[in-house]
C-alpha atoms as a PDB file:
ATOM      1  CA  UNK A   1     -33.016  -7.338   2.861  1.00  0.00           C
ATOM      2  CA  UNK A   2     -32.331 -10.239   0.489  1.00  0.00           C
ATOM      3  CA  UNK A   3     -30.971 -13.424   2.095  1.00  0.00           C
ATOM      4  CA  UNK A   4     -27.452 -13.034   0.673  1.00  0.00           C
ATOM      5  CA  UNK A   5     -27.076  -9.609   2.340  1.00  0.00           C
ATOM      6  CA  UNK A   6     -27.583 -10.847   5.879  1.00  0.00           C
ATOM      7  CA  UNK A   7     -24.809 -10.246   8.367  1.00  0.00           C
ATOM      8  CA  UNK A   8     -23.712 -13.889   8.417  1.00  0.00           C
ATOM      9  CA  UNK A   9     -23.599 -14.106   4.619  1.00  0.00           C
ATOM     10  CA  UNK A  10     -21.628 -10.880   4.265  1.00  0.00           C
ATOM     11  CA  UNK A  11     -18.885 -11.764   6.723  1.00  0.00           C
ATOM     12  CA  UNK A  12     -18.693 -15.361   5.459  1.00  0.00           C
ATOM     13  CA  UNK A  13     -18.161 -14.047   1.932  1.00  0.00           C
ATOM     14  CA  UNK A  14     -15.367 -11.780   3.171  1.00  0.00           C
ATOM     15  CA  UNK A  15     -13.641 -14.647   4.973  1.00  0.00           C
ATOM     16  CA  UNK A  16     -13.794 -16.866   1.887  1.00  0.00           C
ATOM     17  CA  UNK A  17     -12.152 -14.365  -0.465  1.00  0.00           C
ATOM     18  CA  UNK A  18      -8.365 -14.739  -1.077  1.00  0.00           C
ATOM     19  CA  UNK A  19      -6.287 -11.901   0.345  1.00  0.00           C
ATOM     20  CA  UNK A  20      -3.080 -12.170  -1.690  1.00  0.00           C
ATOM     21  CA  UNK A  21      -2.033  -9.411  -4.082  1.00  0.00           C
ATOM     22  CA  UNK A  22      -3.224  -5.818  -4.270  1.00  0.00           C
ATOM     23  CA  UNK A  23      -6.141  -6.251  -6.656  1.00  0.00           C
ATOM     24  CA  UNK A  24      -9.070  -4.430  -5.060  1.00  0.00           C
ATOM     25  CA  UNK A  25     -11.638  -5.138  -7.776  1.00  0.00           C
ATOM     26  CA  UNK A  26     -13.673  -7.221  -5.277  1.00  0.00           C
ATOM     27  CA  UNK A  27     -14.739  -3.956  -3.626  1.00  0.00           C
ATOM     28  CA  UNK A  28     -16.488  -2.661  -6.751  1.00  0.00           C
ATOM     29  CA  UNK A  29     -20.001  -1.608  -5.773  1.00  0.00           C
ATOM     30  CA  UNK A  30     -19.255  -2.299  -2.088  1.00  0.00           C
ATOM     31  CA  UNK A  31     -16.657   0.317  -1.148  1.00  0.00           C
ATOM     32  CA  UNK A  32     -15.099   3.402  -2.723  1.00  0.00           C
ATOM     33  CA  UNK A  33     -11.921   5.390  -2.142  1.00  0.00           C
ATOM     34  CA  UNK A  34     -11.003   8.677  -3.782  1.00  0.00           C
ATOM     35  CA  UNK A  35      -7.655   8.645  -5.590  1.00  0.00           C
ATOM     36  CA  UNK A  36      -4.781  11.088  -5.042  1.00  0.00           C
ATOM     37  CA  UNK A  37      -4.573  13.906  -7.557  1.00  0.00           C
ATOM     38  CA  UNK A  38      -1.057  13.008  -8.717  1.00  0.00           C
ATOM     39  CA  UNK A  39      -1.914   9.650 -10.380  1.00  0.00           C
ATOM     40  CA  UNK A  40       0.911   7.533  -8.978  1.00  0.00           C
ATOM     41  CA  UNK A  41       0.936   4.702 -11.534  1.00  0.00           C
ATOM     42  CA  UNK A  42       0.952   7.120 -14.477  1.00  0.00           C
ATOM     43  CA  UNK A  43       3.699   9.257 -12.928  1.00  0.00           C
ATOM     44  CA  UNK A  44       5.729   6.156 -12.062  1.00  0.00           C
ATOM     45  CA  UNK A  45       5.358   4.941 -15.654  1.00  0.00           C
ATOM     46  CA  UNK A  46       6.752   8.214 -16.997  1.00  0.00           C
ATOM     47  CA  UNK A  47       9.865   7.754 -14.868  1.00  0.00           C
ATOM     48  CA  UNK A  48      10.176   4.067 -15.787  1.00  0.00           C
ATOM     49  CA  UNK A  49      10.140   4.966 -19.478  1.00  0.00           C
ATOM     50  CA  UNK A  50      13.407   6.926 -19.193  1.00  0.00           C
ATOM     51  CA  UNK A  51      15.193   4.773 -16.586  1.00  0.00           C
ATOM     52  CA  UNK A  52      17.844   2.183 -17.377  1.00  0.00           C
ATOM     53  CA  UNK A  53      17.504   0.018 -14.237  1.00  0.00           C
ATOM     54  CA  UNK A  54      14.573   0.095 -11.811  1.00  0.00           C
ATOM     55  CA  UNK A  55      13.652  -1.541  -8.517  1.00  0.00           C
ATOM     56  CA  UNK A  56      10.071  -1.790  -7.206  1.00  0.00           C
ATOM     57  CA  UNK A  57      10.302  -2.365  -3.439  1.00  0.00           C
ATOM     58  CA  UNK A  58       7.491  -4.364  -1.784  1.00  0.00           C
ATOM     59  CA  UNK A  59       5.635  -4.859  -5.048  1.00  0.00           C
ATOM     60  CA  UNK A  60       2.764  -6.835  -3.491  1.00  0.00           C
ATOM     61  CA  UNK A  61       1.231  -8.964  -6.215  1.00  0.00           C
ATOM     62  CA  UNK A  62       2.922  -6.851  -8.902  1.00  0.00           C
ATOM     63  CA  UNK A  63      -0.314  -5.309 -10.133  1.00  0.00           C
ATOM     64  CA  UNK A  64       0.850  -1.673 -10.111  1.00  0.00           C
ATOM     65  CA  UNK A  65       4.149  -2.421 -11.845  1.00  0.00           C
ATOM     66  CA  UNK A  66       2.404  -4.625 -14.412  1.00  0.00           C
ATOM     67  CA  UNK A  67       0.223  -1.669 -15.404  1.00  0.00           C
ATOM     68  CA  UNK A  68       3.208   0.437 -16.465  1.00  0.00           C
ATOM     69  CA  UNK A  69       3.410   0.498 -20.285  1.00  0.00           C
ATOM     70  CA  UNK A  70       7.231   0.625 -20.594  1.00  0.00           C
ATOM     71  CA  UNK A  71       9.754  -0.844 -18.144  1.00  0.00           C
ATOM     72  CA  UNK A  72      13.542  -0.378 -18.225  1.00  0.00           C
ATOM     73  CA  UNK A  73      15.858  -2.999 -19.714  1.00  0.00           C
ATOM     74  CA  UNK A  74      16.695  -4.004 -16.115  1.00  0.00           C
ATOM     75  CA  UNK A  75      13.497  -4.280 -14.067  1.00  0.00           C
ATOM     76  CA  UNK A  76      13.506  -5.892 -10.609  1.00  0.00           C
ATOM     77  CA  UNK A  77      10.895  -6.135  -7.855  1.00  0.00           C
ATOM     78  CA  UNK A  78      11.069  -7.356  -4.266  1.00  0.00           C
ATOM     79  CA  UNK A  79       8.334  -8.853  -2.091  1.00  0.00           C
ATOM     80  CA  UNK A  80       8.322 -10.504   1.332  1.00  0.00           C
ATOM     81  CA  UNK A  81       5.021 -12.398   1.668  1.00  0.00           C
ATOM     82  CA  UNK A  82       5.268 -15.828  -0.059  1.00  0.00           C
ATOM     83  CA  UNK A  83       1.753 -15.812  -1.611  1.00  0.00           C
ATOM     84  CA  UNK A  84       2.496 -12.409  -3.131  1.00  0.00           C
ATOM     85  CA  UNK A  85       5.938 -13.537  -4.315  1.00  0.00           C
ATOM     86  CA  UNK A  86       4.254 -16.321  -6.286  1.00  0.00           C
ATOM     87  CA  UNK A  87       1.552 -14.014  -7.615  1.00  0.00           C
ATOM     88  CA  UNK A  88       4.020 -11.285  -8.622  1.00  0.00           C
ATOM     89  CA  UNK A  89       6.335 -13.814 -10.275  1.00  0.00           C
ATOM     90  CA  UNK A  90       3.520 -15.203 -12.419  1.00  0.00           C
ATOM     91  CA  UNK A  91       2.417 -11.697 -13.408  1.00  0.00           C
ATOM     92  CA  UNK A  92       5.756  -9.936 -13.891  1.00  0.00           C
ATOM     93  CA  UNK A  93       8.138 -12.573 -15.270  1.00  0.00           C
ATOM     94  CA  UNK A  94       6.384 -12.634 -18.667  1.00  0.00           C
ATOM     95  CA  UNK A  95       6.838  -8.838 -18.756  1.00  0.00           C
ATOM     96  CA  UNK A  96      10.595  -9.082 -18.217  1.00  0.00           C
ATOM     97  CA  UNK A  97      10.712  -8.190 -14.521  1.00  0.00           C
ATOM     98  CA  UNK A  98      12.647 -10.367 -12.077  1.00  0.00           C
ATOM     99  CA  UNK A  99      10.943 -10.865  -8.705  1.00  0.00           C
ATOM    100  CA  UNK A 100      13.196 -11.395  -5.685  1.00  0.00           C
ATOM    101  CA  UNK A 101      11.901 -12.696  -2.351  1.00  0.00           C
ATOM    102  CA  UNK A 102      13.313 -10.310   0.264  1.00  0.00           C
ATOM    103  CA  UNK A 103      12.236  -9.616   3.871  1.00  0.00           C
ATOM    104  CA  UNK A 104      10.785  -6.158   4.489  1.00  0.00           C
ATOM    105  CA  UNK A 105      13.306  -5.221   7.188  1.00  0.00           C
ATOM    106  CA  UNK A 106      16.458  -6.859   5.809  1.00  0.00           C
ATOM    107  CA  UNK A 107      19.078  -5.105   3.675  1.00  0.00           C
ATOM    108  CA  UNK A 108      18.160  -5.039   0.004  1.00  0.00           C
ATOM    109  CA  UNK A 109      19.979  -7.912  -1.767  1.00  0.00           C
ATOM    110  CA  UNK A 110      21.571  -5.709  -4.432  1.00  0.00           C
ATOM    111  CA  UNK A 111      24.923  -4.036  -5.013  1.00  0.00           C
ATOM    112  CA  UNK A 112      25.600  -0.408  -4.262  1.00  0.00           C
ATOM    113  CA  UNK A 113      24.436   1.885  -7.053  1.00  0.00           C
ATOM    114  CA  UNK A 114      22.578  -0.865  -8.919  1.00  0.00           C
ATOM    115  CA  UNK A 115      19.551   1.249  -9.944  1.00  0.00           C
ATOM    116  CA  UNK A 116      18.824   4.712 -11.238  1.00  0.00           C
ATOM    117  CA  UNK A 117      15.161   4.465 -10.161  1.00  0.00           C
ATOM    118  CA  UNK A 118      13.669   2.952  -6.996  1.00  0.00           C
ATOM    119  CA  UNK A 119       9.892   3.004  -6.622  1.00  0.00           C
ATOM    120  CA  UNK A 120       7.453   1.740  -4.015  1.00  0.00           C
ATOM    121  CA  UNK A 121       3.712   1.972  -3.522  1.00  0.00           C
ATOM    122  CA  UNK A 122       2.644   1.762   0.114  1.00  0.00           C
ATOM    123  CA  UNK A 123       5.810   0.292   1.649  1.00  0.00           C
ATOM    124  CA  UNK A 124       5.378  -0.944   5.209  1.00  0.00           C
ATOM    125  CA  UNK A 125       8.287   1.326   6.130  1.00  0.00           C
ATOM    126  CA  UNK A 126      10.705   3.026   3.739  1.00  0.00           C
ATOM    127  CA  UNK A 127      14.318   2.079   4.547  1.00  0.00           C
ATOM    128  CA  UNK A 128      15.991   5.213   3.282  1.00  0.00           C
ATOM    129  CA  UNK A 129      19.565   4.153   4.035  1.00  0.00           C
ATOM    130  CA  UNK A 130      19.122   1.063   1.848  1.00  0.00           C
ATOM    131  CA  UNK A 131      17.324   3.021  -0.847  1.00  0.00           C
ATOM    132  CA  UNK A 132      20.170   5.541  -0.937  1.00  0.00           C
ATOM    133  CA  UNK A 133      22.738   2.738  -1.055  1.00  0.00           C
ATOM    134  CA  UNK A 134      21.283   0.955  -4.095  1.00  0.00           C
ATOM    135  CA  UNK A 135      20.617   4.189  -6.003  1.00  0.00           C
ATOM    136  CA  UNK A 136      23.212   5.476  -8.438  1.00  0.00           C
ATOM    137  CA  UNK A 137      24.361   9.085  -8.019  1.00  0.00           C
ATOM    138  CA  UNK A 138      21.663  11.219  -9.598  1.00  0.00           C
ATOM    139  CA  UNK A 139      19.100   8.426  -9.175  1.00  0.00           C
ATOM    140  CA  UNK A 140      15.528   8.933  -7.977  1.00  0.00           C
ATOM    141  CA  UNK A 141      13.296   7.431  -5.319  1.00  0.00           C
ATOM    142  CA  UNK A 142       9.636   7.847  -6.311  1.00  0.00           C
ATOM    143  CA  UNK A 143       6.922   6.460  -4.062  1.00  0.00           C
ATOM    144  CA  UNK A 144       3.427   6.734  -2.695  1.00  0.00           C
ATOM    145  CA  UNK A 145       3.447   6.212   1.054  1.00  0.00           C
ATOM    146  CA  UNK A 146       0.556   5.625   3.403  1.00  0.00           C
ATOM    147  CA  UNK A 147       0.170   8.923   5.235  1.00  0.00           C
ATOM    148  CA  UNK A 148      -0.503   9.778   8.879  1.00  0.00           C
ATOM    149  CA  UNK A 149      -3.651   8.532  10.643  1.00  0.00           C
ATOM    150  CA  UNK A 150      -4.823   6.692   7.544  1.00  0.00           C
ATOM    151  CA  UNK A 151      -8.231   4.993   7.918  1.00  0.00           C
ATOM    152  CA  UNK A 152      -8.150   5.721  11.639  1.00  0.00           C
ATOM    153  CA  UNK A 153     -11.957   5.868  11.720  1.00  0.00           C
ATOM    154  CA  UNK A 154     -11.928   2.098  11.057  1.00  0.00           C
ATOM    155  CA  UNK A 155      -9.050   1.390  13.437  1.00  0.00           C
ATOM    156  CA  UNK A 156     -10.646   3.357  16.258  1.00  0.00           C
ATOM    157  CA  UNK A 157     -14.055   1.789  15.712  1.00  0.00           C
ATOM    158  CA  UNK A 158     -12.533  -1.593  16.581  1.00  0.00           C
ATOM    159  CA  UNK A 159      -9.628  -0.633  18.862  1.00  0.00           C
ATOM    160  CA  UNK A 160     -10.750   2.571  20.532  1.00  0.00           C
ATOM    161  CA  UNK A 161      -8.880   5.907  20.549  1.00  0.00           C
ATOM    162  CA  UNK A 162      -5.323   5.600  19.291  1.00  0.00           C
ATOM    163  CA  UNK A 163      -2.358   7.317  20.966  1.00  0.00           C
ATOM    164  CA  UNK A 164      -0.995  10.489  19.455  1.00  0.00           C
ATOM    165  CA  UNK A 165       2.262   8.748  18.577  1.00  0.00           C
ATOM    166  CA  UNK A 166       0.348   6.294  16.382  1.00  0.00           C
ATOM    167  CA  UNK A 167      -1.189   9.213  14.504  1.00  0.00           C
ATOM    168  CA  UNK A 168       2.266  10.646  13.852  1.00  0.00           C
ATOM    169  CA  UNK A 169       4.016   7.401  12.894  1.00  0.00           C
ATOM    170  CA  UNK A 170       3.818   8.147   9.160  1.00  0.00           C
ATOM    171  CA  UNK A 171       4.348  11.892   9.444  1.00  0.00           C
ATOM    172  CA  UNK A 172       5.795  13.071   6.100  1.00  0.00           C
ATOM    173  CA  UNK A 173       7.999  15.574   7.919  1.00  0.00           C
ATOM    174  CA  UNK A 174       9.652  12.728   9.803  1.00  0.00           C
ATOM    175  CA  UNK A 175      10.039  10.754   6.587  1.00  0.00           C
ATOM    176  CA  UNK A 176      11.607  13.715   4.857  1.00  0.00           C
ATOM    177  CA  UNK A 177      14.081  14.133   7.709  1.00  0.00           C
ATOM    178  CA  UNK A 178      14.933  10.412   7.590  1.00  0.00           C
ATOM    179  CA  UNK A 179      15.508  10.544   3.835  1.00  0.00           C
ATOM    180  CA  UNK A 180      17.768  13.576   4.158  1.00  0.00           C
ATOM    181  CA  UNK A 181      19.680  11.922   7.014  1.00  0.00           C
ATOM    182  CA  UNK A 182      20.352   9.012   4.634  1.00  0.00           C
ATOM    183  CA  UNK A 183      21.858  11.393   2.093  1.00  0.00           C
ATOM    184  CA  UNK A 184      18.876  11.919  -0.214  1.00  0.00           C
ATOM    185  CA  UNK A 185      17.557  15.288  -1.335  1.00  0.00           C
ATOM    186  CA  UNK A 186      13.782  15.679  -1.068  1.00  0.00           C
ATOM    187  CA  UNK A 187      12.267  16.874  -4.344  1.00  0.00           C
ATOM    188  CA  UNK A 188       8.546  16.721  -3.524  1.00  0.00           C
ATOM    189  CA  UNK A 189       6.646  15.601  -0.430  1.00  0.00           C
ATOM    190  CA  UNK A 190       2.897  16.214  -0.188  1.00  0.00           C
ATOM    191  CA  UNK A 191      -0.038  14.511   1.477  1.00  0.00           C
ATOM    192  CA  UNK A 192      -3.741  14.255   0.675  1.00  0.00           C
ATOM    193  CA  UNK A 193      -6.639  12.858   2.739  1.00  0.00           C
ATOM    194  CA  UNK A 194      -9.184  10.933   0.686  1.00  0.00           C
ATOM    195  CA  UNK A 195     -12.758   9.933   1.419  1.00  0.00           C
ATOM    196  CA  UNK A 196     -13.602   6.233   1.716  1.00  0.00           C
ATOM    197  CA  UNK A 197     -17.081   4.695   1.964  1.00  0.00           C
ATOM    198  CA  UNK A 198     -17.899   1.126   3.019  1.00  0.00           C
ATOM    199  CA  UNK A 199     -21.373   0.127   1.864  1.00  0.00           C
ATOM    200  CA  UNK A 200     -21.637  -3.173   3.730  1.00  0.00           C
ATOM    201  CA  UNK A 201     -19.952  -4.880   6.664  1.00  0.00           C
ATOM    202  CA  UNK A 202     -18.463  -7.549   4.401  1.00  0.00           C
ATOM    203  CA  UNK A 203     -16.384  -4.857   2.695  1.00  0.00           C
ATOM    204  CA  UNK A 204     -15.063  -3.704   6.074  1.00  0.00           C
ATOM    205  CA  UNK A 205     -14.227  -7.255   7.144  1.00  0.00           C
ATOM    206  CA  UNK A 206     -12.452  -8.054   3.882  1.00  0.00           C
ATOM    207  CA  UNK A 207     -10.521  -4.774   4.007  1.00  0.00           C
ATOM    208  CA  UNK A 208      -9.228  -5.639   7.481  1.00  0.00           C
ATOM    209  CA  UNK A 209      -8.336  -9.192   6.461  1.00  0.00           C
ATOM    210  CA  UNK A 210      -6.406  -7.877   3.469  1.00  0.00           C
ATOM    211  CA  UNK A 211      -4.808  -4.742   4.943  1.00  0.00           C
ATOM    212  CA  UNK A 212      -3.584  -6.417   8.105  1.00  0.00           C
ATOM    213  CA  UNK A 213      -1.929  -3.439   9.821  1.00  0.00           C
ATOM    214  CA  UNK A 214      -5.150  -1.440  10.305  1.00  0.00           C
ATOM    215  CA  UNK A 215      -6.399  -3.738  13.098  1.00  0.00           C
ATOM    216  CA  UNK A 216      -3.502  -6.111  13.872  1.00  0.00           C
ATOM    217  CA  UNK A 217      -4.628  -9.685  14.434  1.00  0.00           C
ATOM    218  CA  UNK A 218      -8.098  -9.021  13.055  1.00  0.00           C
ATOM    219  CA  UNK A 219     -10.366 -12.032  12.571  1.00  0.00           C
ATOM    220  CA  UNK A 220     -14.108 -12.143  12.043  1.00  0.00           C
ATOM    221  CA  UNK A 221     -14.493 -14.417  15.080  1.00  0.00           C
ATOM    222  CA  UNK A 222     -12.599 -12.085  17.415  1.00  0.00           C
ATOM    223  CA  UNK A 223     -14.566  -8.996  16.354  1.00  0.00           C
ATOM    224  CA  UNK A 224     -17.919 -10.557  15.499  1.00  0.00           C
ATOM    225  CA  UNK A 225     -20.030  -8.562  18.014  1.00  0.00           C
ATOM    226  CA  UNK A 226     -18.470  -5.269  16.877  1.00  0.00           C
ATOM    227  CA  UNK A 227     -18.950  -6.238  13.227  1.00  0.00           C
ATOM    228  CA  UNK A 228     -22.605  -7.013  13.871  1.00  0.00           C
ATOM    229  CA  UNK A 229     -23.075  -3.584  15.458  1.00  0.00           C
ATOM    230  CA  UNK A 230     -21.449  -1.998  12.423  1.00  0.00           C
ATOM    231  CA  UNK A 231     -23.706  -3.984  10.097  1.00  0.00           C
ATOM    232  CA  UNK A 232     -26.753  -2.640  11.899  1.00  0.00           C
ATOM    233  CA  UNK A 233     -25.373   0.890  11.777  1.00  0.00           C
ATOM    234  CA  UNK A 234     -24.749   0.730   8.015  1.00  0.00           C
ATOM    235  CA  UNK A 235     -28.202  -0.706   7.414  1.00  0.00           C
ATOM    236  CA  UNK A 236     -29.784   2.119   9.422  1.00  0.00           C
ATOM    237  CA  UNK A 237     -27.584   5.098   8.518  1.00  0.00           C
ATOM    238  CA  UNK A 238     -25.838   4.295   5.235  1.00  0.00           C
ATOM    239  CA  UNK A 239     -22.154   3.884   4.364  1.00  0.00           C
ATOM    240  CA  UNK A 240     -19.439   3.904   7.002  1.00  0.00           C
ATOM    241  CA  UNK A 241     -17.166   6.833   6.083  1.00  0.00           C
ATOM    242  CA  UNK A 242     -13.418   6.918   6.689  1.00  0.00           C
ATOM    243  CA  UNK A 243     -10.449   8.745   5.198  1.00  0.00           C
ATOM    244  CA  UNK A 244      -7.246   7.319   3.817  1.00  0.00           C
ATOM    245  CA  UNK A 245      -4.055   9.354   3.824  1.00  0.00           C
ATOM    246  CA  UNK A 246      -1.464   9.233   1.025  1.00  0.00           C
ATOM    247  CA  UNK A 247       1.914  10.936   0.637  1.00  0.00           C
ATOM    248  CA  UNK A 248       3.687  11.473  -2.662  1.00  0.00           C
ATOM    249  CA  UNK A 249       7.405  11.182  -1.949  1.00  0.00           C
ATOM    250  CA  UNK A 250      10.150  11.936  -4.443  1.00  0.00           C
ATOM    251  CA  UNK A 251      13.825  12.218  -3.517  1.00  0.00           C
ATOM    252  CA  UNK A 252      17.107  12.239  -5.417  1.00  0.00           C
ATOM    253  CA  UNK A 253      20.572  10.955  -4.628  1.00  0.00           C
ATOM    254  CA  UNK A 254      23.078  13.752  -5.251  1.00  0.00           C
ATOM    255  CA  UNK A 255      25.249  13.316  -8.338  1.00  0.00           C
END
């Protein structure tokens, strides 16, 4: 093992890396995740190209929206976390998108029927009543949600077995029912499980520092003994394998 791949060096590198935005290029060569078959950004771009007014809810650092080739004349994004608000503003304002700081659980700060397209990639929780309210009749909600029991191999390695209710918290059947209760018509709802591989313990630590809901309150100091055990396991057995879960969710507001 070269000196810069020791346990201490790997976790120190993870702690030093900024966690704002949703750019995952740092993981190149250190972790992999299969992508859903539907190609969310491409499919979102096709819908953006024919929309007149769009809203991207919980845009993160704006990276996904920035990759869309054509945005509507009215293009708005919301984000709650201040570092991401700043990052998204710097990235999206030059592209003609207005970024609005808005709490995740508060009502959306827009008029009824303001948009014909609402999109979201990995919202913390989709607020279907608000989505339905800001959509125009005939408008579309198009999103990629985190699916049920996503990356639970990582969560359970650090936290132990999770209750059944936690596994069902992002059940697409429940989400579909919630959307329909809010007055939306489900067009397509489907879920895929996707293989992930972590090739070193630094990648695991950085993933947990960046994706904070997997192990709430995670810090390297608090989980150092467990991280060291995982480092030794990866060195002896190879990559730590987990599975993400993603749901494609498309719904329409009746005309």
